[in-house]
C-alpha cells in the first residue's frame, strides 16, 4: 500500500466494502495512512438502494435472496462509483484532454 499511496504518477482510490472486515477498522486504517477511499456503506444505506425500490439481492428465477448483486444491484453500484470517481477526478486536467 505504501508504494501505491506514495506514487505521485498515479491516482489510487480504494473502495471499501462492508464485509468481511468491519468498515470502521478499514476506514481508520485508510485515514491513518492518508489514502483516498470510498466506502460502500452509503450505497446500501442511502438513496441508491435502501431508499429506492431496488432489491439488489433478489433473484426472480430462484425466488431467493443471495449474497451477490443482481442486475439492479450492479447498476446501482456502477452509478454510485461513477459519481464518486467523477467527484474526485479533475476532468479538466491535461491528462484527459
Protein backbone atom coordinates (compact mmCIF):
# COMPACT_ATOMS: atom_id res chain seq x y z
CA UNK A 1 0.00 0.00 0.00
CA UNK A 2 2.80 2.41 0.80
CA UNK A 3 4.11 2.16 -2.75
CA UNK A 4 0.66 2.90 -4.22
CA UNK A 5 -0.03 5.79 -1.89
CA UNK A 6 3.38 7.42 -2.28
CA UNK A 7 3.48 7.09 -6.08
CA UNK A 8 2.85 10.61 -7.42
CA UNK A 9 2.40 9.38 -11.01
CA UNK A 10 -0.86 7.55 -10.30
CA UNK A 11 -4.16 8.25 -8.58
CA UNK A 12 -5.41 5.35 -6.46
CA UNK A 13 -8.85 5.37 -4.87
CA UNK A 14 -9.61 2.40 -2.64
CA UNK A 15 -13.16 1.05 -2.50
CA UNK A 16 -14.11 -0.46 0.85
CA UNK A 17 -16.99 -2.86 1.15
CA UNK A 18 -18.89 -3.55 4.35
CA UNK A 19 -17.55 -7.04 4.96
CA UNK A 20 -15.62 -9.27 5.83
CA UNK A 21 -13.74 -6.67 7.91
CA UNK A 22 -15.74 -4.15 9.89
CA UNK A 23 -15.71 -0.98 7.78
CA UNK A 24 -14.69 1.34 10.62
CA UNK A 25 -11.45 -0.61 11.09
CA UNK A 26 -10.56 -0.20 7.42
CA UNK A 27 -11.67 3.45 7.35
CA UNK A 28 -9.47 4.25 10.34
CA UNK A 29 -6.54 2.47 8.69
CA UNK A 30 -7.00 4.33 5.39
CA UNK A 31 -7.18 7.65 7.22
CA UNK A 32 -4.04 6.82 9.19
CA UNK A 33 -2.03 6.16 6.01
CA UNK A 34 -3.52 9.11 4.10
CA UNK A 35 -5.27 7.02 1.46
CA UNK A 36 -8.18 8.25 -0.65
CA UNK A 37 -11.11 5.86 -0.30
CA UNK A 38 -14.81 5.35 -0.90
CA UNK A 39 -16.97 3.16 1.32
CA UNK A 40 -19.95 1.24 0.00
CA UNK A 41 -21.98 1.92 3.16
CA UNK A 42 -23.55 4.95 1.52
CA UNK A 43 -24.54 2.78 -1.44
CA UNK A 44 -26.52 0.40 0.73
CA UNK A 45 -27.83 2.84 3.33
CA UNK A 46 -28.65 5.79 1.09
CA UNK A 47 -30.80 6.63 -1.90
CA UNK A 48 -29.04 4.22 -4.27
CA UNK A 49 -30.54 1.05 -2.77
CA UNK A 50 -32.18 1.22 0.67
CA UNK A 51 -34.20 4.37 -0.07
CA UNK A 52 -35.14 3.21 -3.56
CA UNK A 53 -37.28 0.43 -5.00
CA UNK A 54 -34.18 -1.55 -5.96
CA UNK A 55 -33.97 -5.01 -4.48
CA UNK A 56 -30.28 -5.55 -5.15
CA UNK A 57 -30.01 -9.17 -3.98
CA UNK A 58 -33.27 -10.77 -5.16
CA UNK A 59 -33.18 -13.27 -7.99
CA UNK A 60 -36.54 -13.84 -9.71
CA UNK A 61 -35.59 -17.21 -11.23
CA UNK A 62 -34.92 -18.78 -7.84
CA UNK A 63 -37.21 -16.57 -5.73
CA UNK A 64 -34.24 -16.27 -3.36
CA UNK A 65 -32.12 -13.54 -1.88
CA UNK A 66 -28.44 -14.15 -2.44
CA UNK A 67 -25.23 -12.61 -1.23
CA UNK A 68 -24.41 -11.44 -4.75
CA UNK A 69 -25.83 -8.39 -6.52
CA UNK A 70 -28.39 -8.92 -9.23
CA UNK A 71 -28.58 -6.73 -12.36
CA UNK A 72 -30.24 -3.85 -10.49
CA UNK A 73 -27.65 -4.04 -7.73
CA UNK A 74 -24.77 -3.90 -10.21
CA UNK A 75 -26.38 -0.94 -11.98
CA UNK A 76 -26.78 0.95 -8.68
CA UNK A 77 -23.18 0.14 -7.73
CA UNK A 78 -21.90 1.39 -11.11
CA UNK A 79 -23.84 4.64 -10.84
CA UNK A 80 -22.66 5.18 -7.27
CA UNK A 81 -18.98 4.58 -8.10
CA UNK A 82 -19.15 6.71 -11.27
CA UNK A 83 -20.48 9.67 -9.27
CA UNK A 84 -17.87 9.22 -6.54
CA UNK A 85 -14.98 8.87 -9.02
CA UNK A 86 -16.16 11.85 -11.07
CA UNK A 87 -16.14 14.00 -7.93
CA UNK A 88 -12.52 13.02 -7.21
CA UNK A 89 -11.03 13.28 -10.69
CA UNK A 90 -10.12 16.61 -12.27
CA UNK A 91 -11.53 16.11 -15.76
CA UNK A 92 -10.10 19.46 -16.89
CA UNK A 93 -6.59 18.10 -16.32
CA UNK A 94 -4.32 17.82 -19.36
CA UNK A 95 -4.31 14.04 -18.77
CA UNK A 96 -7.89 13.89 -20.07
CA UNK A 97 -7.57 16.33 -22.98
